[in-house]
C-alpha atoms as a PDB file:
ATOM      1  CA  MET A   1      -0.100   2.772 -19.253  1.00  0.00           C
ATOM      2  CA  GLY A   2      -1.866  -0.124 -17.592  1.00  0.00           C
ATOM      3  CA  ALA A   3      -0.098  -3.481 -17.259  1.00  0.00           C
ATOM      4  CA  GLU A   4      -1.589  -6.698 -15.909  1.00  0.00           C
ATOM      5  CA  SER A   5      -0.328  -9.779 -14.074  1.00  0.00           C
ATOM      6  CA  THR A   6      -2.569 -12.609 -12.845  1.00  0.00           C
ATOM      7  CA  SER A   7      -2.190 -15.532 -10.469  1.00  0.00           C
ATOM      8  CA  LYS A   8      -4.488 -18.157  -8.964  1.00  0.00           C
ATOM      9  CA  ASP A   9      -2.037 -19.355  -6.308  1.00  0.00           C
ATOM     10  CA  LEU A  10       0.166 -16.266  -5.671  1.00  0.00           C
ATOM     11  CA  LYS A  11       3.149 -18.361  -6.738  1.00  0.00           C
ATOM     12  CA  THR A  12       2.841 -18.644 -10.507  1.00  0.00           C
ATOM     13  CA  TRP A  13       2.207 -15.386 -12.342  1.00  0.00           C
ATOM     14  CA  LYS A  14       1.250 -14.685 -15.941  1.00  0.00           C
ATOM     15  CA  GLN A  15       2.268 -11.397 -17.523  1.00  0.00           C
ATOM     16  CA  TYR A  16       0.099  -9.762 -20.197  1.00  0.00           C
ATOM     17  CA  PRO A  17       0.796  -7.044 -22.766  1.00  0.00           C
ATOM     18  CA  VAL A  18      -0.286  -3.495 -21.897  1.00  0.00           C
ATOM     19  CA  VAL A  19      -4.064  -3.531 -21.384  1.00  0.00           C
ATOM     20  CA  LEU A  20      -4.563   0.257 -21.387  1.00  0.00           C
ATOM     21  CA  GLY A  21      -2.009   2.204 -23.367  1.00  0.00           C
ATOM     22  CA  ILE A  22      -1.480   5.684 -24.763  1.00  0.00           C
ATOM     23  CA  ASP A  23      -3.132   5.594 -28.182  1.00  0.00           C
ATOM     24  CA  GLU A  24      -3.598   9.276 -29.041  1.00  0.00           C
ATOM     25  CA  ASP A  25      -1.287  12.290 -29.142  1.00  0.00           C
ATOM     26  CA  TRP A  26      -3.418  14.133 -26.599  1.00  0.00           C
ATOM     27  CA  GLU A  27      -3.000  11.335 -24.024  1.00  0.00           C
ATOM     28  CA  LYS A  28       0.128  12.541 -22.255  1.00  0.00           C
ATOM     29  CA  SER A  29       0.010   9.960 -19.455  1.00  0.00           C
ATOM     30  CA  ILE A  30      -2.433   7.678 -17.669  1.00  0.00           C
ATOM     31  CA  CYS A  31      -2.886   7.956 -13.904  1.00  0.00           C
ATOM     32  CA  THR A  32      -3.719   5.296 -11.319  1.00  0.00           C
ATOM     33  CA  GLY A  33      -7.015   3.532 -11.985  1.00  0.00           C
ATOM     34  CA  SER A  34      -9.285   0.823 -10.629  1.00  0.00           C
ATOM     35  CA  VAL A  35     -11.480  -1.984 -11.922  1.00  0.00           C
ATOM     36  CA  VAL A  36     -14.903  -3.297 -10.903  1.00  0.00           C
ATOM     37  CA  TYR A  37     -16.773  -6.363 -12.196  1.00  0.00           C
ATOM     38  CA  TYR A  38     -20.508  -5.777 -12.649  1.00  0.00           C
ATOM     39  CA  ASN A  39     -23.170  -7.504 -14.802  1.00  0.00           C
ATOM     40  CA  ASN A  40     -20.611  -9.785 -16.490  1.00  0.00           C
ATOM     41  CA  THR A  41     -18.446  -6.841 -17.515  1.00  0.00           C
ATOM     42  CA  PHE A  42     -15.163  -5.402 -16.246  1.00  0.00           C
ATOM     43  CA  TYR A  43     -15.107  -1.600 -15.962  1.00  0.00           C
ATOM     44  CA  ALA A  44     -11.691   0.072 -15.733  1.00  0.00           C
ATOM     45  CA  PHE A  45     -11.723   3.729 -14.639  1.00  0.00           C
ATOM     46  CA  TYR A  46      -8.632   5.908 -14.916  1.00  0.00           C
ATOM     47  CA  ALA A  47      -7.571   9.508 -15.517  1.00  0.00           C
ATOM     48  CA  THR A  48      -5.742  10.918 -18.518  1.00  0.00           C
ATOM     49  CA  ARG A  49      -3.356  13.868 -18.252  1.00  0.00           C
ATOM     50  CA  LEU A  50      -3.710  16.510 -20.962  1.00  0.00           C
ATOM     51  CA  ILE A  51      -1.735  19.640 -21.841  1.00  0.00           C
ATOM     52  CA  ASP A  52      -3.514  22.538 -23.553  1.00  0.00           C
ATOM     53  CA  PRO A  53      -1.823  24.843 -26.115  1.00  0.00           C
ATOM     54  CA  SER A  54      -0.815  27.272 -23.358  1.00  0.00           C
ATOM     55  CA  GLY A  55       1.020  24.501 -21.474  1.00  0.00           C
ATOM     56  CA  GLU A  56      -1.551  24.165 -18.697  1.00  0.00           C
ATOM     57  CA  TRP A  57      -2.033  20.657 -17.287  1.00  0.00           C
ATOM     58  CA  SER A  58      -5.368  19.050 -16.506  1.00  0.00           C
ATOM     59  CA  GLU A  59      -6.573  15.583 -15.566  1.00  0.00           C
ATOM     60  CA  GLN A  60      -9.827  14.127 -16.846  1.00  0.00           C
ATOM     61  CA  LEU A  61     -11.677  10.853 -16.299  1.00  0.00           C
ATOM     62  CA  SER A  62     -11.913   8.013 -18.800  1.00  0.00           C
ATOM     63  CA  TYR A  63     -13.044   4.401 -18.683  1.00  0.00           C
ATOM     64  CA  ALA A  64     -12.781   1.188 -20.676  1.00  0.00           C
ATOM     65  CA  VAL A  65     -14.757  -2.075 -20.652  1.00  0.00           C
ATOM     66  CA  SER A  66     -13.866  -5.723 -21.090  1.00  0.00           C
ATOM     67  CA  LYS A  67     -15.556  -9.100 -21.032  1.00  0.00           C
ATOM     68  CA  ASP A  68     -12.475 -11.083 -20.026  1.00  0.00           C
ATOM     69  CA  GLY A  69     -10.554  -8.602 -17.858  1.00  0.00           C
ATOM     70  CA  ILE A  70      -7.658  -8.639 -20.340  1.00  0.00           C
ATOM     71  CA  HIS A  71      -8.790  -6.961 -23.549  1.00  0.00           C
ATOM     72  CA  PHE A  72     -10.224  -3.502 -22.769  1.00  0.00           C
ATOM     73  CA  LYS A  73     -11.893  -1.039 -25.127  1.00  0.00           C
ATOM     74  CA  LYS A  74     -11.888   2.659 -24.304  1.00  0.00           C
ATOM     75  CA  GLN A  75     -15.346   4.191 -24.263  1.00  0.00           C
ATOM     76  CA  GLN A  76     -16.638   7.371 -25.876  1.00  0.00           C
ATOM     77  CA  PRO A  77     -16.704  10.202 -25.144  1.00  0.00           C
ATOM     78  CA  ASN A  78     -13.102   9.967 -24.018  1.00  0.00           C
ATOM     79  CA  PRO A  79     -12.540  11.574 -21.570  1.00  0.00           C
ATOM     80  CA  PHE A  80     -16.117  11.329 -20.303  1.00  0.00           C
ATOM     81  CA  TYR A  81     -15.759  13.830 -17.429  1.00  0.00           C
ATOM     82  CA  THR A  82     -13.557  16.897 -17.084  1.00  0.00           C
ATOM     83  CA  TYR A  83     -13.693  18.016 -13.440  1.00  0.00           C
ATOM     84  CA  ALA A  84     -16.200  18.557 -10.655  1.00  0.00           C
ATOM     85  CA  PRO A  85     -17.325  22.148 -10.047  1.00  0.00           C
ATOM     86  CA  GLY A  86     -15.425  23.723  -7.176  1.00  0.00           C
ATOM     87  CA  TYR A  87     -12.510  21.304  -7.486  1.00  0.00           C
ATOM     88  CA  SER A  88      -9.091  21.490  -9.122  1.00  0.00           C
ATOM     89  CA  LYS A  89      -8.737  20.858 -12.856  1.00  0.00           C
ATOM     90  CA  ARG A  90      -5.024  20.159 -12.405  1.00  0.00           C
ATOM     91  CA  HIS A  91      -5.686  17.488  -9.786  1.00  0.00           C
ATOM     92  CA  PHE A  92      -8.566  15.233 -10.786  1.00  0.00           C
ATOM     93  CA  ARG A  93      -7.302  11.673 -11.000  1.00  0.00           C
ATOM     94  CA  ASP A  94      -6.937   8.164  -9.521  1.00  0.00           C
ATOM     95  CA  ALA A  95     -10.629   7.229  -9.590  1.00  0.00           C
ATOM     96  CA  LYS A  96     -11.585   4.336  -7.298  1.00  0.00           C
ATOM     97  CA  VAL A  97     -14.803   2.659  -8.502  1.00  0.00           C
ATOM     98  CA  SER A  98     -17.367   0.564  -6.640  1.00  0.00           C
ATOM     99  CA  VAL A  99     -20.942  -0.484  -7.384  1.00  0.00           C
ATOM    100  CA  ASP A 100     -23.627  -0.552  -4.685  1.00  0.00           C
ATOM    101  CA  SER A 101     -26.517  -3.019  -4.323  1.00  0.00           C
ATOM    102  CA  ALA A 102     -28.799  -0.752  -6.391  1.00  0.00           C
ATOM    103  CA  GLY A 103     -26.398  -0.753  -9.351  1.00  0.00           C
ATOM    104  CA  ASN A 104     -25.068   2.769  -8.825  1.00  0.00           C
ATOM    105  CA  PHE A 105     -21.456   3.413  -9.783  1.00  0.00           C
ATOM    106  CA  HIS A 106     -19.497   5.354  -7.163  1.00  0.00           C
ATOM    107  CA  LEU A 107     -16.204   7.084  -7.934  1.00  0.00           C
ATOM    108  CA  PHE A 108     -13.779   8.487  -5.361  1.00  0.00           C
ATOM    109  CA  VAL A 109     -11.497  10.936  -7.199  1.00  0.00           C
ATOM    110  CA  SER A 110      -8.276  12.508  -5.924  1.00  0.00           C
ATOM    111  CA  SER A 111      -8.562  16.288  -6.050  1.00  0.00           C
ATOM    112  CA  ALA A 112      -8.505  19.536  -4.066  1.00  0.00           C
ATOM    113  CA  ARG A 113     -11.179  22.090  -3.292  1.00  0.00           C
ATOM    114  CA  GLU A 114     -10.767  25.519  -4.837  1.00  0.00           C
ATOM    115  CA  ASN A 115     -11.509  28.764  -2.997  1.00  0.00           C
ATOM    116  CA  SER A 116     -12.422  26.818   0.127  1.00  0.00           C
ATOM    117  CA  GLY A 117     -11.031  29.499   2.440  1.00  0.00           C
ATOM    118  CA  PHE A 118      -8.982  26.840   4.194  1.00  0.00           C
ATOM    119  CA  HIS A 119      -5.321  26.026   3.657  1.00  0.00           C
ATOM    120  CA  ASN A 120      -5.724  22.233   3.801  1.00  0.00           C
ATOM    121  CA  ASN A 121      -7.980  21.602   0.814  1.00  0.00           C
ATOM    122  CA  GLY A 122      -7.079  18.078  -0.403  1.00  0.00           C
ATOM    123  CA  ALA A 123     -10.224  15.970  -0.905  1.00  0.00           C
ATOM    124  CA  LEU A 124     -11.669  12.799  -2.363  1.00  0.00           C
ATOM    125  CA  VAL A 125     -14.563  13.795  -4.631  1.00  0.00           C
ATOM    126  CA  HIS A 126     -17.567  11.451  -4.470  1.00  0.00           C
ATOM    127  CA  MET A 127     -19.400  11.010  -7.792  1.00  0.00           C
ATOM    128  CA  VAL A 128     -22.414   8.741  -8.452  1.00  0.00           C
ATOM    129  CA  SER A 129     -24.043   7.546 -11.688  1.00  0.00           C
ATOM    130  CA  LYS A 130     -26.553   4.927 -12.712  1.00  0.00           C
ATOM    131  CA  ASP A 131     -25.823   4.997 -16.453  1.00  0.00           C
ATOM    132  CA  LEU A 132     -22.177   6.240 -16.588  1.00  0.00           C
ATOM    133  CA  LYS A 133     -23.411   9.329 -18.469  1.00  0.00           C
ATOM    134  CA  LYS A 134     -25.046  11.585 -15.903  1.00  0.00           C
ATOM    135  CA  TRP A 135     -22.953  12.086 -12.778  1.00  0.00           C
ATOM    136  CA  GLU A 136     -24.012  13.603  -9.468  1.00  0.00           C
ATOM    137  CA  VAL A 137     -21.322  15.106  -7.250  1.00  0.00           C
ATOM    138  CA  LYS A 138     -21.912  14.294  -3.585  1.00  0.00           C
ATOM    139  CA  GLU A 139     -20.151  15.668  -0.532  1.00  0.00           C
ATOM    140  CA  PRO A 140     -16.502  14.544  -0.535  1.00  0.00           C
ATOM    141  CA  VAL A 141     -15.814  11.365   1.434  1.00  0.00           C
ATOM    142  CA  ILE A 142     -12.805  13.069   3.011  1.00  0.00           C
ATOM    143  CA  THR A 143     -11.615  16.665   2.889  1.00  0.00           C
ATOM    144  CA  GLY A 144      -9.245  19.025   4.698  1.00  0.00           C
ATOM    145  CA  MET A 145      -6.171  17.042   3.669  1.00  0.00           C
ATOM    146  CA  SER A 146      -2.800  18.852   3.637  1.00  0.00           C
ATOM    147  CA  ASP A 147      -2.147  17.439   0.166  1.00  0.00           C
ATOM    148  CA  VAL A 148      -4.135  15.727  -2.601  1.00  0.00           C
ATOM    149  CA  PRO A 149      -5.062  12.258  -1.250  1.00  0.00           C
ATOM    150  CA  GLU A 150      -3.842  10.044  -4.072  1.00  0.00           C
ATOM    151  CA  CYS A 151      -4.585   6.505  -5.299  1.00  0.00           C
ATOM    152  CA  PRO A 152      -7.596   5.783  -3.052  1.00  0.00           C
ATOM    153  CA  ASP A 153      -8.842   2.292  -2.299  1.00  0.00           C
ATOM    154  CA  TYR A 154     -12.097   1.211  -0.671  1.00  0.00           C
ATOM    155  CA  PHE A 155     -13.539  -2.075   0.583  1.00  0.00           C
ATOM    156  CA  TYR A 156     -15.989  -3.635   3.039  1.00  0.00           C
ATOM    157  CA  ARG A 157     -15.227  -6.406   5.496  1.00  0.00           C
ATOM    158  CA  ASN A 158     -17.261  -7.840   8.383  1.00  0.00           C
ATOM    159  CA  GLY A 159     -19.253  -4.753   9.317  1.00  0.00           C
ATOM    160  CA  TRP A 160     -16.565  -2.170   8.504  1.00  0.00           C
ATOM    161  CA  TYR A 161     -15.854   0.033   5.508  1.00  0.00           C
ATOM    162  CA  TYR A 162     -12.234   0.950   4.841  1.00  0.00           C
ATOM    163  CA  LEU A 163     -10.896   3.889   2.847  1.00  0.00           C
ATOM    164  CA  LEU A 164      -7.218   4.068   1.893  1.00  0.00           C
ATOM    165  CA  TYR A 165      -5.375   7.071   0.456  1.00  0.00           C
ATOM    166  CA  SER A 166      -1.763   8.145   0.013  1.00  0.00           C
ATOM    167  CA  THR A 167       0.096  11.383   0.599  1.00  0.00           C
ATOM    168  CA  GLY A 168       3.789  11.662  -0.188  1.00  0.00           C
ATOM    169  CA  SER A 169       3.579   7.983  -1.254  1.00  0.00           C
ATOM    170  CA  ASP A 170       2.725   6.953   2.342  1.00  0.00           C
ATOM    171  CA  THR A 171      -0.568   5.069   2.640  1.00  0.00           C
ATOM    172  CA  TYR A 172      -3.116   5.723   5.395  1.00  0.00           C
ATOM    173  CA  TYR A 173      -6.528   4.238   6.137  1.00  0.00           C
ATOM    174  CA  VAL A 174      -9.684   5.273   7.941  1.00  0.00           C
ATOM    175  CA  MET A 175     -12.653   3.104   8.902  1.00  0.00           C
ATOM    176  CA  SER A 176     -16.395   3.491   9.412  1.00  0.00           C
ATOM    177  CA  GLY A 177     -19.521   1.508  10.167  1.00  0.00           C
ATOM    178  CA  GLN A 178     -21.250   3.447   7.360  1.00  0.00           C
ATOM    179  CA  PRO A 179     -20.396   3.269   3.634  1.00  0.00           C
ATOM    180  CA  TYR A 180     -19.231   6.873   3.243  1.00  0.00           C
ATOM    181  CA  GLY A 181     -18.299   7.939   6.759  1.00  0.00           C
ATOM    182  CA  PRO A 182     -18.055   9.545   9.209  1.00  0.00           C
ATOM    183  CA  TRP A 183     -14.585   8.020   9.458  1.00  0.00           C
ATOM    184  CA  GLN A 184     -12.457   7.186  12.445  1.00  0.00           C
ATOM    185  CA  TYR A 185      -8.673   7.183  12.430  1.00  0.00           C
ATOM    186  CA  PRO A 186      -7.154   3.972  13.871  1.00  0.00           C
ATOM    187  CA  ALA A 187      -4.506   3.980  16.586  1.00  0.00           C
ATOM    188  CA  SER A 188      -1.831   2.807  14.157  1.00  0.00           C
ATOM    189  CA  GLN A 189      -1.319   2.951  10.404  1.00  0.00           C
ATOM    190  CA  VAL A 190      -0.387  -0.528   9.219  1.00  0.00           C
ATOM    191  CA  PHE A 191       0.074   0.422   5.548  1.00  0.00           C
ATOM    192  CA  LYS A 192       2.433   3.329   6.264  1.00  0.00           C
ATOM    193  CA  GLU A 193       5.745   1.716   5.381  1.00  0.00           C
ATOM    194  CA  GLN A 194       8.668   3.803   4.244  1.00  0.00           C
ATOM    195  CA  TRP A 195       9.738   0.926   2.005  1.00  0.00           C
ATOM    196  CA  SER A 196       6.330   0.554   0.358  1.00  0.00           C
ATOM    197  CA  ASN A 197       4.411   3.140  -1.686  1.00  0.00           C
ATOM    198  CA  VAL A 198       0.719   3.719  -2.517  1.00  0.00           C
ATOM    199  CA  VAL A 199      -0.873   0.494  -1.305  1.00  0.00           C
ATOM    200  CA  LYS A 200      -3.959  -0.903  -3.057  1.00  0.00           C
ATOM    201  CA  THR A 201      -5.909  -4.029  -2.084  1.00  0.00           C
ATOM    202  CA  ALA A 202      -7.825  -6.844  -3.749  1.00  0.00           C
ATOM    203  CA  ALA A 203     -10.083  -9.671  -2.619  1.00  0.00           C
ATOM    204  CA  PHE A 204      -8.669 -13.191  -2.792  1.00  0.00           C
ATOM    205  CA  VAL A 205     -10.093 -16.687  -2.259  1.00  0.00           C
ATOM    206  CA  ASN A 206     -11.750 -17.827   0.995  1.00  0.00           C
ATOM    207  CA  GLY A 207     -12.463 -14.300   2.210  1.00  0.00           C
ATOM    208  CA  ARG A 208      -8.824 -13.250   2.174  1.00  0.00           C
ATOM    209  CA  ARG A 209      -7.609  -9.823   1.097  1.00  0.00           C
ATOM    210  CA  ILE A 210      -4.194  -8.942  -0.296  1.00  0.00           C
ATOM    211  CA  ALA A 211      -2.489  -5.529  -0.182  1.00  0.00           C
ATOM    212  CA  ALA A 212       0.028  -4.522  -2.846  1.00  0.00           C
ATOM    213  CA  GLY A 213       2.455  -1.613  -2.928  1.00  0.00           C
ATOM    214  CA  TRP A 214       5.683  -0.895  -4.774  1.00  0.00           C
ATOM    215  CA  VAL A 215       9.209  -0.547  -3.456  1.00  0.00           C
ATOM    216  CA  PRO A 216      11.162   1.982  -5.538  1.00  0.00           C
ATOM    217  CA  SER A 217      14.548   1.286  -7.031  1.00  0.00           C
ATOM    218  CA  ARG A 218      17.423   3.427  -5.729  1.00  0.00           C
ATOM    219  CA  LYS A 219      19.965   5.525  -7.590  1.00  0.00           C
ATOM    220  CA  ASP A 220      23.230   3.618  -8.089  1.00  0.00           C
ATOM    221  CA  ASN A 221      21.536   0.652  -6.360  1.00  0.00           C
ATOM    222  CA  GLU A 222      22.448   2.179  -2.984  1.00  0.00           C
ATOM    223  CA  ASP A 223      20.073   1.993  -0.007  1.00  0.00           C
ATOM    224  CA  GLU A 224      20.421   5.726   0.630  1.00  0.00           C
ATOM    225  CA  GLY A 225      20.220   6.603  -3.060  1.00  0.00           C
ATOM    226  CA  HIS A 226      17.431   8.769  -4.447  1.00  0.00           C
ATOM    227  CA  GLU A 227      14.172   6.892  -5.057  1.00  0.00           C
ATOM    228  CA  ILE A 228      13.464   6.007  -8.687  1.00  0.00           C
ATOM    229  CA  PHE A 229       9.832   5.607  -9.729  1.00  0.00           C
ATOM    230  CA  GLY A 230       8.887   1.961 -10.161  1.00  0.00           C
ATOM    231  CA  GLY A 231      10.836  -0.954  -8.807  1.00  0.00           C
ATOM    232  CA  ASN A 232       9.361  -4.072  -7.253  1.00  0.00           C
ATOM    233  CA  THR A 233       5.907  -5.074  -6.047  1.00  0.00           C
ATOM    234  CA  VAL A 234       5.493  -6.038  -2.397  1.00  0.00           C
ATOM    235  CA  LEU A 235       2.414  -7.948  -1.193  1.00  0.00           C
ATOM    236  CA  ARG A 236       0.955  -8.398   2.301  1.00  0.00           C
ATOM    237  CA  GLU A 237      -2.089 -10.268   3.583  1.00  0.00           C
ATOM    238  CA  ILE A 238      -4.596  -8.121   5.491  1.00  0.00           C
ATOM    239  CA  ILE A 239      -5.834  -9.337   8.879  1.00  0.00           C
ATOM    240  CA  GLN A 240      -8.888  -7.781  10.539  1.00  0.00           C
ATOM    241  CA  GLN A 241      -8.804  -7.487  14.346  1.00  0.00           C
ATOM    242  CA  GLU A 242     -11.841  -7.921  16.599  1.00  0.00           C
ATOM    243  CA  ASP A 243     -12.231  -4.141  16.920  1.00  0.00           C
ATOM    244  CA  GLY A 244     -12.125  -3.707  13.138  1.00  0.00           C
ATOM    245  CA  THR A 245      -8.595  -2.331  12.924  1.00  0.00           C
ATOM    246  CA  LEU A 246      -6.240  -3.878  10.387  1.00  0.00           C
ATOM    247  CA  CYS A 247      -2.914  -5.649  10.564  1.00  0.00           C
ATOM    248  CA  THR A 248      -0.816  -7.316   7.887  1.00  0.00           C
ATOM    249  CA  LYS A 249       1.375 -10.398   7.625  1.00  0.00           C
ATOM    250  CA  PHE A 250       3.564 -12.027   5.021  1.00  0.00           C
ATOM    251  CA  VAL A 251       1.547 -13.887   2.405  1.00  0.00           C
ATOM    252  CA  PRO A 252       2.198 -17.577   3.251  1.00  0.00           C
ATOM    253  CA  GLU A 253       2.259 -18.706  -0.386  1.00  0.00           C
ATOM    254  CA  MET A 254       4.924 -16.115  -1.204  1.00  0.00           C
ATOM    255  CA  ILE A 255       7.429 -16.952   1.531  1.00  0.00           C
ATOM    256  CA  PRO A 256      10.411 -18.418  -0.356  1.00  0.00           C
ATOM    257  CA  ALA A 257      11.087 -22.101   0.177  1.00  0.00           C
ATOM    258  CA  THR A 258      14.162 -22.962   2.246  1.00  0.00           C
ATOM    259  CA  GLY A 259      16.390 -25.974   2.599  1.00  0.00           C
ATOM    260  CA  ALA A 260      17.422 -27.804   5.734  1.00  0.00           C
ATOM    261  CA  GLU A 261      18.160 -25.838   8.891  1.00  0.00           C
ATOM    262  CA  ILE A 262      21.719 -24.573   9.170  1.00  0.00           C
ATOM    263  CA  PRO A 263      23.397 -25.387  12.523  1.00  0.00           C
ATOM    264  CA  PHE A 264      24.776 -22.349  14.317  1.00  0.00           C
ATOM    265  CA  VAL A 265      26.459 -21.423  17.572  1.00  0.00           C
ATOM    266  CA  LEU A 266      26.305 -18.034  19.239  1.00  0.00           C
ATOM    267  CA  SER A 267      29.578 -16.546  20.362  1.00  0.00           C
ATOM    268  CA  LYS A 268      29.885 -16.733  24.137  1.00  0.00           C
ATOM    269  CA  ASN A 269      30.467 -14.009  26.675  1.00  0.00           C
ATOM    270  CA  GLU A 270      29.796 -13.567  30.356  1.00  0.00           C
ATOM    271  CA  TRP A 271      26.290 -12.214  29.713  1.00  0.00           C
ATOM    272  CA  VAL A 272      25.081 -15.082  27.491  1.00  0.00           C
ATOM    273  CA  SER A 273      24.215 -18.612  28.666  1.00  0.00           C
ATOM    274  CA  ARG A 274      22.873 -21.627  26.785  1.00  0.00           C
ATOM    275  CA  SER A 275      20.427 -24.394  27.731  1.00  0.00           C
ATOM    276  CA  GLY A 276      19.719 -26.826  24.894  1.00  0.00           C
ATOM    277  CA  ASP A 277      18.530 -24.794  21.915  1.00  0.00           C
ATOM    278  CA  SER A 278      17.757 -21.727  24.049  1.00  0.00           C
ATOM    279  CA  TYR A 279      19.987 -18.796  24.902  1.00  0.00           C
ATOM    280  CA  THR A 280      19.562 -16.328  27.750  1.00  0.00           C
ATOM    281  CA  PHE A 281      20.900 -12.775  27.492  1.00  0.00           C
ATOM    282  CA  ASN A 282      21.486 -10.812  30.681  1.00  0.00           C
ATOM    283  CA  ALA A 283      21.450  -7.107  29.887  1.00  0.00           C
ATOM    284  CA  ALA A 284      21.006  -5.805  33.450  1.00  0.00           C
ATOM    285  CA  TYR A 285      23.882  -3.368  32.959  1.00  0.00           C
ATOM    286  CA  GLY A 286      22.926  -2.117  29.502  1.00  0.00           C
ATOM    287  CA  LEU A 287      23.247  -3.609  26.030  1.00  0.00           C
ATOM    288  CA  THR A 288      24.427  -7.146  25.451  1.00  0.00           C
ATOM    289  CA  GLY A 289      24.496  -9.437  22.449  1.00  0.00           C
ATOM    290  CA  SER A 290      26.167 -12.260  20.624  1.00  0.00           C
ATOM    291  CA  PHE A 291      27.388 -13.052  17.125  1.00  0.00           C
ATOM    292  CA  ILE A 292      26.750 -15.806  14.595  1.00  0.00           C
ATOM    293  CA  LYS A 293      29.460 -16.414  12.009  1.00  0.00           C
ATOM    294  CA  ASP A 294      29.083 -17.498   8.399  1.00  0.00           C
ATOM    295  CA  VAL A 295      25.387 -16.658   7.958  1.00  0.00           C
ATOM    296  CA  PRO A 296      24.446 -17.001   4.250  1.00  0.00           C
ATOM    297  CA  VAL A 297      23.654 -13.782   2.408  1.00  0.00           C
ATOM    298  CA  ASN A 298      20.224 -15.164   1.438  1.00  0.00           C
ATOM    299  CA  CYS A 299      18.488 -17.030   4.226  1.00  0.00           C
ATOM    300  CA  ARG A 300      15.385 -17.000   6.399  1.00  0.00           C
ATOM    301  CA  ILE A 301      15.900 -16.282  10.096  1.00  0.00           C
ATOM    302  CA  THR A 302      13.228 -17.392  12.580  1.00  0.00           C
ATOM    303  CA  MET A 303      13.261 -17.239  16.380  1.00  0.00           C
ATOM    304  CA  GLU A 304      11.121 -16.883  19.474  1.00  0.00           C
ATOM    305  CA  ILE A 305      12.066 -14.166  21.960  1.00  0.00           C
ATOM    306  CA  GLU A 306      10.638 -14.040  25.497  1.00  0.00           C
ATOM    307  CA  PRO A 307      11.677 -10.733  27.097  1.00  0.00           C
ATOM    308  CA  SER A 308      11.458 -10.367  30.874  1.00  0.00           C
ATOM    309  CA  GLY A 309      11.445  -7.166  32.889  1.00  0.00           C
ATOM    310  CA  ASN A 310      11.328  -3.662  31.470  1.00  0.00           C
ATOM    311  CA  TYR A 311      13.565  -2.927  28.502  1.00  0.00           C
ATOM    312  CA  ASP A 312      13.900  -0.467  25.663  1.00  0.00           C
ATOM    313  CA  GLU A 313      14.294  -2.763  22.656  1.00  0.00           C
ATOM    314  CA  TYR A 314      15.642  -6.039  21.333  1.00  0.00           C
ATOM    315  CA  GLY A 315      16.477  -7.321  17.879  1.00  0.00           C
ATOM    316  CA  LEU A 316      19.247  -8.131  15.434  1.00  0.00           C
ATOM    317  CA  TYR A 317      22.066  -6.554  13.492  1.00  0.00           C
ATOM    318  CA  LEU A 318      21.841  -8.079  10.015  1.00  0.00           C
ATOM    319  CA  ARG A 319      24.879  -8.491   7.740  1.00  0.00           C
ATOM    320  CA  ALA A 320      26.976  -6.775  10.381  1.00  0.00           C
ATOM    321  CA  ASN A 321      30.461  -7.360  11.710  1.00  0.00           C
ATOM    322  CA  GLU A 322      31.149  -8.777  15.188  1.00  0.00           C
ATOM    323  CA  ASP A 323      30.638  -5.464  16.992  1.00  0.00           C
ATOM    324  CA  GLY A 324      27.335  -4.718  15.206  1.00  0.00           C
ATOM    325  CA  GLY A 325      28.785  -2.214  12.760  1.00  0.00           C
ATOM    326  CA  GLU A 326      28.340  -1.922   8.996  1.00  0.00           C
ATOM    327  CA  GLY A 327      24.990  -3.706   9.094  1.00  0.00           C
ATOM    328  CA  TYR A 328      21.248  -3.205   9.297  1.00  0.00           C
ATOM    329  CA  LYS A 329      19.674  -2.755  12.711  1.00  0.00           C
ATOM    330  CA  LEU A 330      16.335  -4.531  13.217  1.00  0.00           C
ATOM    331  CA  ALA A 331      14.838  -3.343  16.522  1.00  0.00           C
ATOM    332  CA  VAL A 332      11.579  -4.293  18.257  1.00  0.00           C
ATOM    333  CA  SER A 333      10.181  -2.036  20.982  1.00  0.00           C
ATOM    334  CA  ALA A 334       7.173  -3.157  23.035  1.00  0.00           C
ATOM    335  CA  ASN A 335       7.062   0.232  24.776  1.00  0.00           C
ATOM    336  CA  GLU A 336       6.710   2.031  21.445  1.00  0.00           C
ATOM    337  CA  SER A 337       4.732  -0.775  19.713  1.00  0.00           C
ATOM    338  CA  SER A 338       7.145  -0.463  16.837  1.00  0.00           C
ATOM    339  CA  VAL A 339       9.539  -2.317  14.567  1.00  0.00           C
ATOM    340  CA  THR A 340      12.468  -0.405  13.075  1.00  0.00           C
ATOM    341  CA  LEU A 341      14.705  -1.568  10.223  1.00  0.00           C
ATOM    342  CA  SER A 342      17.734   0.552   9.383  1.00  0.00           C
ATOM    343  CA  GLY A 343      16.074   3.725  10.673  1.00  0.00           C
ATOM    344  CA  TYR A 344      12.645   3.135   9.112  1.00  0.00           C
ATOM    345  CA  THR A 345       9.929   2.597  11.746  1.00  0.00           C
ATOM    346  CA  ASN A 346       6.549   0.909  11.541  1.00  0.00           C
ATOM    347  CA  TYR A 347       4.157   1.371  14.463  1.00  0.00           C
ATOM    348  CA  CYS A 348       2.094  -1.710  15.178  1.00  0.00           C
ATOM    349  CA  GLY A 349      -0.573  -0.342  17.546  1.00  0.00           C
END
């Protein structure tokens, strides 16, 4: 099913009823889709899973149109495309749509090559149509993947084209100066967060771009519990570097408001000294730290850290006891260009 939420300020959100639902018995489920606005019309492309009488699964492409982006009407024939020759019928889903300057619709479809003679056969099929009836299958935009590259996304920004795809729920991106490759792999993967699954992006006001993924719920509400499909949406703002590579930051409008600053005092020891509002930690003989008592369960912690000399890492133990146990370790490593929270590492490049 396809649900919809809208916001003009990223603070106030309006929830709508299901915009694309399962209406027929043969529609067993609806896969990830995408929407493009062209000639005063919204086009929503998606895949429908089907099961034949023998129990075999297949995935086929469908689309719906809308004038307001809320009320969509499925188009006939439905599905309009079964599968591309030479590609898997079982895996043919998650169509990402774009329209070029000549009015051609381009679809990137998650699939896998058949009888390719190569073990890694995951691919994004590239299909093009002018009238949404006759489709030409081009060379895949990426191929040779170890698994089906799911839930693709695609956008252009300041001279660079970006292609996102997910494997095992982790999201990767490649970049190119040309619309459909050849692609280059960046030094770090900013969207690959173990807490966030299958990231998609959307343009926002003033040239901004927002990335959205979902953080799964956990069995028994335990951090180490088995992931449960669904959960909560997490949003990040995309920042483009001078060399074209991407970074992300918290979306300013979505940072929760806070009250007045809460006074605090760090516990003292022989390796910690204070000057005004600044503290100096001397860890010449190994690890050192300090402890703040009575920190609220829900709060925002901000600080500036100026490391000197060579070191392995610095950071915080969150919700921990006085010796750093029973909490969450947040570690920053300049040597590794990484941030690690409770064993989950993001590499920052």
